[in-house]
Amino acid sequence: MVDLLLLRHGIAVECHQGVDHPDRCLTPLGVERTFKVCCRLRDLGLIADRLYSSPYRRARETAELAVKSGLAAEIELARCLEPGGDPWPLVQRLQGSCLLVGHEPDLSQLAAELIGARSDALRLRKAGLCHLRWDPSHQDPRGIAQLQGLLRPSLLLPGCV
């Protein structure tokens, strides 16, 4: 089976004058909450064989926290996970347990397409996780994946808003 974990980056500094920038970093609260979420996921037994991350700073920092927590061993940067990128060539070659760290609305749209839902059917919160699973014998996993879980940080961390 392919186990796909989609992790949205943690809370990042605000856009400057409404313009996104690849160098936006996580806030101190974003670092703290994201690390706690990653540790909780590891404690629940979610471990990835491979971790692919958007090269944008906030996603890279989130991926680094995932490695630090023990969710995965190392990071592989994937430009296809940048905002507006095309993740399908990567998704179609996934094997085993894989963690993708990226952005909204891209990750939610990817998950929705994998389970055969409307593109606005799911929404990942910052530092939220979506777990999907499918049989790797399918050439194209679109519409056949099973949703295993959609978790916001407040479900993983008591007292978190």
N, C-alpha and C. Protein backbone atom coordinates (compact mmCIF):
# COMPACT_ATOMS: atom_id res chain seq x y z
N MET A 1 0.83 -1.19 0.00
CA MET A 1 0.00 0.00 0.00
C MET A 1 0.87 1.26 0.00
N VAL A 2 0.34 2.31 -0.60
CA VAL A 2 0.98 3.62 -0.52
C VAL A 2 0.26 4.38 0.59
N ASP A 3 1.02 4.84 1.55
CA ASP A 3 0.50 5.70 2.61
C ASP A 3 1.04 7.09 2.35
N LEU A 4 0.15 8.01 2.05
CA LEU A 4 0.55 9.38 1.76
C LEU A 4 0.10 10.29 2.89
N LEU A 5 1.07 10.98 3.46
CA LEU A 5 0.82 11.95 4.52
C LEU A 5 1.04 13.33 3.93
N LEU A 6 0.02 14.15 3.99
CA LEU A 6 0.12 15.53 3.49
C LEU A 6 0.14 16.45 4.70
N LEU A 7 1.22 17.20 4.86
CA LEU A 7 1.37 18.11 6.00
C LEU A 7 1.49 19.54 5.49
N ARG A 8 0.55 20.37 5.92
CA ARG A 8 0.62 21.78 5.56
C ARG A 8 1.65 22.45 6.46
N HIS A 9 2.38 23.41 5.90
CA HIS A 9 3.37 24.12 6.70
C HIS A 9 2.70 24.78 7.91
N GLY A 10 3.51 25.07 8.92
CA GLY A 10 3.01 25.71 10.14
C GLY A 10 2.72 27.19 9.94
N ILE A 11 2.32 27.83 11.02
CA ILE A 11 1.99 29.26 10.99
C ILE A 11 3.23 30.05 10.57
N ALA A 12 3.06 30.85 9.53
CA ALA A 12 4.17 31.65 8.98
C ALA A 12 3.90 33.14 9.18
N VAL A 13 4.96 33.93 9.05
CA VAL A 13 4.78 35.38 9.13
C VAL A 13 3.84 35.81 8.01
N GLU A 14 3.16 36.92 8.24
CA GLU A 14 2.18 37.41 7.28
C GLU A 14 2.84 37.82 5.96
N CYS A 15 2.05 37.79 4.91
CA CYS A 15 2.49 38.29 3.61
C CYS A 15 2.75 39.79 3.74
N HIS A 16 3.71 40.28 3.01
CA HIS A 16 4.01 41.71 3.02
C HIS A 16 3.16 42.40 1.96
N GLN A 17 2.29 43.30 2.39
CA GLN A 17 1.39 44.05 1.51
C GLN A 17 0.59 43.12 0.60
N GLY A 18 0.16 41.98 1.19
CA GLY A 18 -0.68 41.04 0.45
C GLY A 18 0.04 40.21 -0.59
N VAL A 19 1.37 40.29 -0.63
CA VAL A 19 2.14 39.54 -1.63
C VAL A 19 2.89 38.39 -0.94
N ASP A 20 2.69 37.18 -1.45
CA ASP A 20 3.39 36.02 -0.90
C ASP A 20 4.87 36.09 -1.29
N HIS A 21 5.71 35.48 -0.48
CA HIS A 21 7.14 35.46 -0.77
C HIS A 21 7.70 34.10 -0.35
N PRO A 22 8.59 33.51 -1.15
CA PRO A 22 9.15 32.20 -0.83
C PRO A 22 9.97 32.18 0.47
N ASP A 23 10.45 33.34 0.92
CA ASP A 23 11.30 33.38 2.11
C ASP A 23 10.55 33.63 3.41
N ARG A 24 9.21 33.61 3.38
CA ARG A 24 8.46 33.76 4.63
C ARG A 24 8.76 32.59 5.56
N CYS A 25 9.12 32.91 6.80
CA CYS A 25 9.49 31.87 7.76
C CYS A 25 8.33 31.56 8.70
N LEU A 26 8.49 30.49 9.46
CA LEU A 26 7.52 30.17 10.50
C LEU A 26 7.67 31.17 11.64
N THR A 27 6.57 31.48 12.29
CA THR A 27 6.61 32.31 13.49
C THR A 27 7.10 31.45 14.66
N PRO A 28 7.49 32.06 15.78
CA PRO A 28 7.84 31.25 16.94
C PRO A 28 6.71 30.30 17.36
N LEU A 29 5.46 30.78 17.33
CA LEU A 29 4.33 29.91 17.64
C LEU A 29 4.21 28.80 16.58
N GLY A 30 4.45 29.15 15.32
CA GLY A 30 4.41 28.15 14.25
C GLY A 30 5.44 27.06 14.45
N VAL A 31 6.64 27.43 14.87
CA VAL A 31 7.70 26.43 15.13
C VAL A 31 7.28 25.53 16.28
N GLU A 32 6.83 26.14 17.37
CA GLU A 32 6.47 25.37 18.57
C GLU A 32 5.33 24.40 18.28
N ARG A 33 4.25 24.92 17.69
CA ARG A 33 3.07 24.08 17.44
C ARG A 33 3.37 22.99 16.41
N THR A 34 4.09 23.34 15.37
CA THR A 34 4.40 22.36 14.33
C THR A 34 5.27 21.23 14.87
N PHE A 35 6.25 21.57 15.69
CA PHE A 35 7.11 20.54 16.28
C PHE A 35 6.29 19.62 17.18
N LYS A 36 5.39 20.19 17.98
CA LYS A 36 4.54 19.37 18.85
C LYS A 36 3.63 18.46 18.04
N VAL A 37 3.07 18.99 16.95
CA VAL A 37 2.23 18.16 16.07
C VAL A 37 3.04 17.01 15.50
N CYS A 38 4.22 17.31 15.01
CA CYS A 38 5.08 16.26 14.42
C CYS A 38 5.44 15.19 15.46
N CYS A 39 5.77 15.62 16.68
CA CYS A 39 6.08 14.65 17.74
C CYS A 39 4.87 13.79 18.06
N ARG A 40 3.69 14.39 18.09
CA ARG A 40 2.47 13.64 18.37
C ARG A 40 2.18 12.62 17.27
N LEU A 41 2.37 13.04 16.02
CA LEU A 41 2.16 12.12 14.91
C LEU A 41 3.13 10.94 14.98
N ARG A 42 4.39 11.24 15.31
CA ARG A 42 5.38 10.16 15.47
C ARG A 42 4.96 9.23 16.60
N ASP A 43 4.51 9.81 17.72
CA ASP A 43 4.07 8.99 18.85
C ASP A 43 2.88 8.10 18.47
N LEU A 44 2.08 8.54 17.52
CA LEU A 44 0.94 7.75 17.04
C LEU A 44 1.37 6.70 16.02
N GLY A 45 2.65 6.65 15.69
CA GLY A 45 3.18 5.62 14.80
C GLY A 45 3.28 6.00 13.34
N LEU A 46 3.08 7.26 13.01
CA LEU A 46 3.21 7.69 11.62
C LEU A 46 4.67 8.02 11.34
N ILE A 47 5.29 7.20 10.53
CA ILE A 47 6.68 7.40 10.14
C ILE A 47 6.73 7.30 8.61
N ALA A 48 7.45 8.23 7.98
CA ALA A 48 7.54 8.24 6.51
C ALA A 48 8.89 7.70 6.05
N ASP A 49 8.84 6.87 5.01
CA ASP A 49 10.07 6.39 4.38
C ASP A 49 10.76 7.52 3.61
N ARG A 50 9.94 8.39 3.02
CA ARG A 50 10.46 9.52 2.23
C ARG A 50 9.71 10.77 2.62
N LEU A 51 10.41 11.91 2.61
CA LEU A 51 9.80 13.20 2.89
C LEU A 51 10.17 14.13 1.75
N TYR A 52 9.15 14.65 1.08
CA TYR A 52 9.33 15.62 0.01
C TYR A 52 8.74 16.95 0.48
N SER A 53 9.47 18.04 0.25
CA SER A 53 9.00 19.34 0.71
C SER A 53 9.11 20.38 -0.39
N SER A 54 8.16 21.29 -0.36
CA SER A 54 8.28 22.51 -1.16
C SER A 54 9.56 23.20 -0.73
N PRO A 55 10.27 23.83 -1.66
CA PRO A 55 11.48 24.56 -1.27
C PRO A 55 11.20 25.90 -0.59
N TYR A 56 9.95 26.34 -0.54
CA TYR A 56 9.63 27.60 0.14
C TYR A 56 10.04 27.47 1.61
N ARG A 57 10.57 28.53 2.17
CA ARG A 57 11.17 28.50 3.50
C ARG A 57 10.22 27.94 4.57
N ARG A 58 8.97 28.38 4.59
CA ARG A 58 8.04 27.92 5.63
C ARG A 58 7.79 26.42 5.54
N ALA A 59 7.77 25.89 4.34
CA ALA A 59 7.60 24.45 4.16
C ALA A 59 8.88 23.70 4.53
N ARG A 60 10.02 24.23 4.11
CA ARG A 60 11.31 23.61 4.48
C ARG A 60 11.48 23.56 5.99
N GLU A 61 11.14 24.67 6.67
CA GLU A 61 11.25 24.68 8.13
C GLU A 61 10.31 23.66 8.77
N THR A 62 9.12 23.51 8.21
CA THR A 62 8.18 22.50 8.69
C THR A 62 8.76 21.11 8.48
N ALA A 63 9.34 20.87 7.31
CA ALA A 63 9.95 19.57 7.01
C ALA A 63 11.13 19.29 7.95
N GLU A 64 11.90 20.31 8.25
CA GLU A 64 13.03 20.15 9.19
C GLU A 64 12.52 19.74 10.57
N LEU A 65 11.39 20.31 10.99
CA LEU A 65 10.80 19.93 12.27
C LEU A 65 10.29 18.49 12.23
N ALA A 66 9.77 18.07 11.08
CA ALA A 66 9.32 16.68 10.93
C ALA A 66 10.51 15.73 11.08
N VAL A 67 11.64 16.08 10.49
CA VAL A 67 12.85 15.25 10.62
C VAL A 67 13.34 15.26 12.06
N LYS A 68 13.38 16.43 12.67
CA LYS A 68 13.83 16.56 14.06
C LYS A 68 12.97 15.72 15.01
N SER A 69 11.68 15.63 14.73
CA SER A 69 10.76 14.87 15.58
C SER A 69 10.84 13.36 15.34
N GLY A 70 11.46 12.94 14.24
CA GLY A 70 11.55 11.52 13.93
C GLY A 70 10.48 11.01 12.97
N LEU A 71 9.73 11.93 12.34
CA LEU A 71 8.72 11.49 11.36
C LEU A 71 9.35 10.95 10.08
N ALA A 72 10.54 11.43 9.76
CA ALA A 72 11.25 10.99 8.55
C ALA A 72 12.74 11.20 8.78
N ALA A 73 13.55 10.57 7.94
CA ALA A 73 15.00 10.64 8.13
C ALA A 73 15.65 11.85 7.46
N GLU A 74 15.13 12.22 6.29
CA GLU A 74 15.75 13.33 5.56
C GLU A 74 14.74 13.98 4.64
N ILE A 75 15.12 15.16 4.15
CA ILE A 75 14.24 15.96 3.29
C ILE A 75 14.73 15.92 1.85
N GLU A 76 13.79 15.76 0.94
CA GLU A 76 14.07 15.93 -0.48
C GLU A 76 13.21 17.09 -0.96
N LEU A 77 13.84 18.13 -1.48
CA LEU A 77 13.09 19.28 -1.98
C LEU A 77 12.47 18.94 -3.33
N ALA A 78 11.24 19.37 -3.51
CA ALA A 78 10.50 19.08 -4.75
C ALA A 78 9.80 20.35 -5.21
N ARG A 79 10.29 20.93 -6.29
CA ARG A 79 9.70 22.17 -6.82
C ARG A 79 8.24 22.00 -7.20
N CYS A 80 7.84 20.77 -7.49
CA CYS A 80 6.43 20.53 -7.85
C CYS A 80 5.50 20.79 -6.67
N LEU A 81 6.03 20.93 -5.46
CA LEU A 81 5.21 21.22 -4.28
C LEU A 81 5.15 22.71 -3.95
N GLU A 82 5.80 23.53 -4.77
CA GLU A 82 5.66 24.98 -4.61
C GLU A 82 4.20 25.35 -4.88
N PRO A 83 3.73 26.50 -4.34
CA PRO A 83 2.35 26.91 -4.62
C PRO A 83 2.07 26.94 -6.13
N GLY A 84 0.98 26.29 -6.52
CA GLY A 84 0.61 26.24 -7.93
C GLY A 84 1.34 25.19 -8.74
N GLY A 85 2.20 24.39 -8.10
CA GLY A 85 2.96 23.36 -8.81
C GLY A 85 2.10 22.17 -9.20
N ASP A 86 2.67 21.28 -9.99
CA ASP A 86 1.98 20.07 -10.44
C ASP A 86 2.59 18.86 -9.73
N PRO A 87 1.95 18.34 -8.68
CA PRO A 87 2.53 17.23 -7.93
C PRO A 87 2.31 15.85 -8.55
N TRP A 88 1.51 15.75 -9.64
CA TRP A 88 1.13 14.43 -10.15
C TRP A 88 2.29 13.55 -10.59
N PRO A 89 3.30 14.07 -11.26
CA PRO A 89 4.42 13.17 -11.61
C PRO A 89 5.07 12.55 -10.36
N LEU A 90 5.15 13.31 -9.27
CA LEU A 90 5.71 12.78 -8.03
C LEU A 90 4.74 11.78 -7.40
N VAL A 91 3.49 12.14 -7.29
CA VAL A 91 2.49 11.28 -6.64
C VAL A 91 2.39 9.92 -7.34
N GLN A 92 2.44 9.90 -8.64
CA GLN A 92 2.28 8.66 -9.40
C GLN A 92 3.44 7.69 -9.22
N ARG A 93 4.57 8.16 -8.70
CA ARG A 93 5.69 7.24 -8.50
C ARG A 93 5.97 6.94 -7.02
N LEU A 94 5.09 7.38 -6.14
CA LEU A 94 5.28 7.15 -4.71
C LEU A 94 5.14 5.67 -4.38
N GLN A 95 5.94 5.25 -3.40
CA GLN A 95 5.87 3.88 -2.87
C GLN A 95 6.04 3.94 -1.37
N GLY A 96 5.41 3.02 -0.67
CA GLY A 96 5.56 2.95 0.78
C GLY A 96 4.88 4.13 1.46
N SER A 97 5.51 4.60 2.52
CA SER A 97 4.97 5.70 3.31
C SER A 97 5.72 6.98 2.96
N CYS A 98 4.99 7.99 2.47
CA CYS A 98 5.61 9.23 2.02
C CYS A 98 4.91 10.43 2.66
N LEU A 99 5.71 11.41 3.02
CA LEU A 99 5.22 12.65 3.60
C LEU A 99 5.52 13.78 2.64
N LEU A 100 4.47 14.53 2.25
CA LEU A 100 4.64 15.71 1.41
C LEU A 100 4.32 16.93 2.26
N VAL A 101 5.24 17.90 2.28
CA VAL A 101 5.03 19.14 3.03
C VAL A 101 4.85 20.25 2.01
N GLY A 102 3.73 20.97 2.12
CA GLY A 102 3.46 21.99 1.13
C GLY A 102 2.46 23.03 1.60
N HIS A 103 1.65 23.49 0.67
CA HIS A 103 0.84 24.69 0.84
C HIS A 103 -0.63 24.44 0.50
N GLU A 104 -1.46 25.38 0.94
CA GLU A 104 -2.87 25.39 0.58
C GLU A 104 -3.08 26.41 -0.54
N PRO A 105 -4.01 26.19 -1.41
CA PRO A 105 -4.99 25.11 -1.40
C PRO A 105 -4.51 23.83 -2.10
N ASP A 106 -3.26 23.83 -2.50
CA ASP A 106 -2.74 22.72 -3.32
C ASP A 106 -2.87 21.35 -2.67
N LEU A 107 -2.49 21.25 -1.38
CA LEU A 107 -2.54 19.94 -0.73
C LEU A 107 -3.97 19.43 -0.59
N SER A 108 -4.89 20.31 -0.22
CA SER A 108 -6.30 19.89 -0.09
C SER A 108 -6.88 19.48 -1.43
N GLN A 109 -6.54 20.21 -2.47
CA GLN A 109 -7.03 19.86 -3.82
C GLN A 109 -6.46 18.52 -4.27
N LEU A 110 -5.19 18.27 -3.94
CA LEU A 110 -4.58 16.98 -4.27
C LEU A 110 -5.32 15.86 -3.54
N ALA A 111 -5.56 16.04 -2.25
CA ALA A 111 -6.26 15.02 -1.47
C ALA A 111 -7.66 14.77 -2.02
N ALA A 112 -8.37 15.85 -2.33
CA ALA A 112 -9.73 15.72 -2.86
C ALA A 112 -9.72 14.94 -4.18
N GLU A 113 -8.78 15.24 -5.04
CA GLU A 113 -8.72 14.53 -6.32
C GLU A 113 -8.38 13.06 -6.11
N LEU A 114 -7.52 12.78 -5.15
CA LEU A 114 -7.15 11.39 -4.89
C LEU A 114 -8.33 10.57 -4.37
N ILE A 115 -9.21 11.19 -3.59
CA ILE A 115 -10.36 10.43 -3.06
C ILE A 115 -11.60 10.58 -3.93
N GLY A 116 -11.51 11.36 -5.02
CA GLY A 116 -12.63 11.52 -5.93
C GLY A 116 -13.69 12.48 -5.43
N ALA A 117 -13.27 13.49 -4.67
CA ALA A 117 -14.21 14.48 -4.13
C ALA A 117 -14.07 15.80 -4.88
N ARG A 118 -15.01 16.73 -4.62
CA ARG A 118 -14.91 18.07 -5.18
C ARG A 118 -13.61 18.73 -4.70
N SER A 119 -13.07 19.64 -5.47
CA SER A 119 -11.79 20.26 -5.14
C SER A 119 -11.85 21.08 -3.85
N ASP A 120 -13.04 21.50 -3.44
CA ASP A 120 -13.16 22.29 -2.20
C ASP A 120 -13.70 21.45 -1.03
N ALA A 121 -13.65 20.14 -1.15
CA ALA A 121 -14.25 19.26 -0.14
C ALA A 121 -13.41 19.17 1.14
N LEU A 122 -12.12 19.39 1.05
CA LEU A 122 -11.23 19.28 2.20
C LEU A 122 -10.48 20.58 2.40
N ARG A 123 -10.04 20.79 3.65
CA ARG A 123 -9.22 21.96 3.94
C ARG A 123 -8.24 21.61 5.05
N LEU A 124 -6.97 21.76 4.75
CA LEU A 124 -5.93 21.52 5.75
C LEU A 124 -5.62 22.80 6.50
N ARG A 125 -5.61 22.72 7.81
CA ARG A 125 -5.20 23.84 8.64
C ARG A 125 -3.66 23.91 8.66
N LYS A 126 -3.13 25.03 9.13
CA LYS A 126 -1.67 25.14 9.26
C LYS A 126 -1.20 24.09 10.26
N ALA A 127 -0.19 23.33 9.86
CA ALA A 127 0.33 22.18 10.62
C ALA A 127 -0.69 21.05 10.72
N GLY A 128 -1.67 21.04 9.82
CA GLY A 128 -2.66 19.97 9.76
C GLY A 128 -2.17 18.84 8.86
N LEU A 129 -2.74 17.67 9.06
CA LEU A 129 -2.30 16.48 8.33
C LEU A 129 -3.48 15.77 7.68
N CYS A 130 -3.25 15.29 6.47
CA CYS A 130 -4.20 14.43 5.78
C CYS A 130 -3.48 13.12 5.46
N HIS A 131 -4.10 12.00 5.82
CA HIS A 131 -3.52 10.68 5.57
C HIS A 131 -4.39 9.95 4.56
N LEU A 132 -3.76 9.54 3.45
CA LEU A 132 -4.45 8.82 2.37
C LEU A 132 -3.74 7.50 2.12
N ARG A 133 -4.48 6.54 1.58
CA ARG A 133 -3.89 5.22 1.29
C ARG A 133 -4.51 4.66 0.01
N TRP A 134 -3.66 4.01 -0.79
CA TRP A 134 -4.16 3.31 -1.98
C TRP A 134 -3.24 2.17 -2.34
N ASP A 135 -3.77 1.28 -3.15
CA ASP A 135 -3.02 0.12 -3.65
C ASP A 135 -2.11 0.59 -4.77
N PRO A 136 -0.81 0.33 -4.68
CA PRO A 136 0.13 0.82 -5.69
C PRO A 136 0.01 0.15 -7.05
N SER A 137 -0.81 -0.89 -7.16
CA SER A 137 -0.97 -1.55 -8.46
C SER A 137 -1.74 -0.67 -9.44
N HIS A 138 -2.42 0.36 -8.95
CA HIS A 138 -3.13 1.28 -9.83
C HIS A 138 -2.15 2.25 -10.47
N GLN A 139 -2.20 2.35 -11.77
CA GLN A 139 -1.32 3.25 -12.53
C GLN A 139 -1.55 4.71 -12.14
N ASP A 140 -2.83 5.06 -11.94
CA ASP A 140 -3.19 6.42 -11.60
C ASP A 140 -4.09 6.36 -10.35
N PRO A 141 -3.63 6.92 -9.23
CA PRO A 141 -4.39 6.80 -7.98
C PRO A 141 -5.58 7.75 -7.85
N ARG A 142 -5.81 8.61 -8.83
CA ARG A 142 -6.91 9.58 -8.72
C ARG A 142 -8.26 8.88 -8.60
N GLY A 143 -8.99 9.27 -7.56
CA GLY A 143 -10.33 8.74 -7.36
C GLY A 143 -10.39 7.42 -6.64
N ILE A 144 -9.25 6.81 -6.31
CA ILE A 144 -9.28 5.50 -5.65
C ILE A 144 -8.69 5.51 -4.24
N ALA A 145 -8.04 6.58 -3.86
CA ALA A 145 -7.42 6.63 -2.53
C ALA A 145 -8.50 6.63 -1.45
N GLN A 146 -8.13 6.08 -0.31
CA GLN A 146 -9.02 6.08 0.85
C GLN A 146 -8.51 7.11 1.85
N LEU A 147 -9.41 7.93 2.35
CA LEU A 147 -9.07 8.91 3.36
C LEU A 147 -8.96 8.19 4.70
N GLN A 148 -7.76 8.21 5.29
CA GLN A 148 -7.52 7.57 6.58
C GLN A 148 -7.70 8.54 7.73
N GLY A 149 -7.44 9.82 7.47
CA GLY A 149 -7.59 10.81 8.52
C GLY A 149 -7.34 12.21 8.02
N LEU A 150 -8.04 13.16 8.60
CA LEU A 150 -7.85 14.58 8.33
C LEU A 150 -7.80 15.24 9.70
N LEU A 151 -6.60 15.66 10.10
CA LEU A 151 -6.38 16.10 11.47
C LEU A 151 -5.91 17.54 11.52
N ARG A 152 -6.58 18.33 12.33
CA ARG A 152 -6.12 19.68 12.58
C ARG A 152 -5.32 19.65 13.88
N PRO A 153 -4.44 20.61 14.09
CA PRO A 153 -3.60 20.61 15.29
C PRO A 153 -4.39 20.50 16.59
N SER A 154 -5.57 21.11 16.66
CA SER A 154 -6.33 21.08 17.91
C SER A 154 -6.80 19.67 18.27
N LEU A 155 -6.89 18.76 17.31
CA LEU A 155 -7.24 17.38 17.61
C LEU A 155 -6.05 16.61 18.15
N LEU A 156 -4.87 17.04 17.78
CA LEU A 156 -3.65 16.36 18.20
C LEU A 156 -3.06 16.93 19.48
N LEU A 157 -3.30 18.21 19.73
CA LEU A 157 -2.71 18.90 20.87
C LEU A 157 -3.81 19.50 21.74
N PRO A 158 -4.10 18.89 22.87
CA PRO A 158 -5.13 19.45 23.75
C PRO A 158 -4.80 20.90 24.11
N GLY A 159 -5.81 21.75 24.07
CA GLY A 159 -5.63 23.15 24.41
C GLY A 159 -5.17 24.03 23.26
N CYS A 160 -4.91 23.42 22.10
CA CYS A 160 -4.47 24.18 20.92
C CYS A 160 -5.70 24.70 20.19
N VAL A 161 -5.65 25.92 19.73
CA VAL A 161 -6.78 26.50 18.99
C VAL A 161 -6.50 26.45 17.51
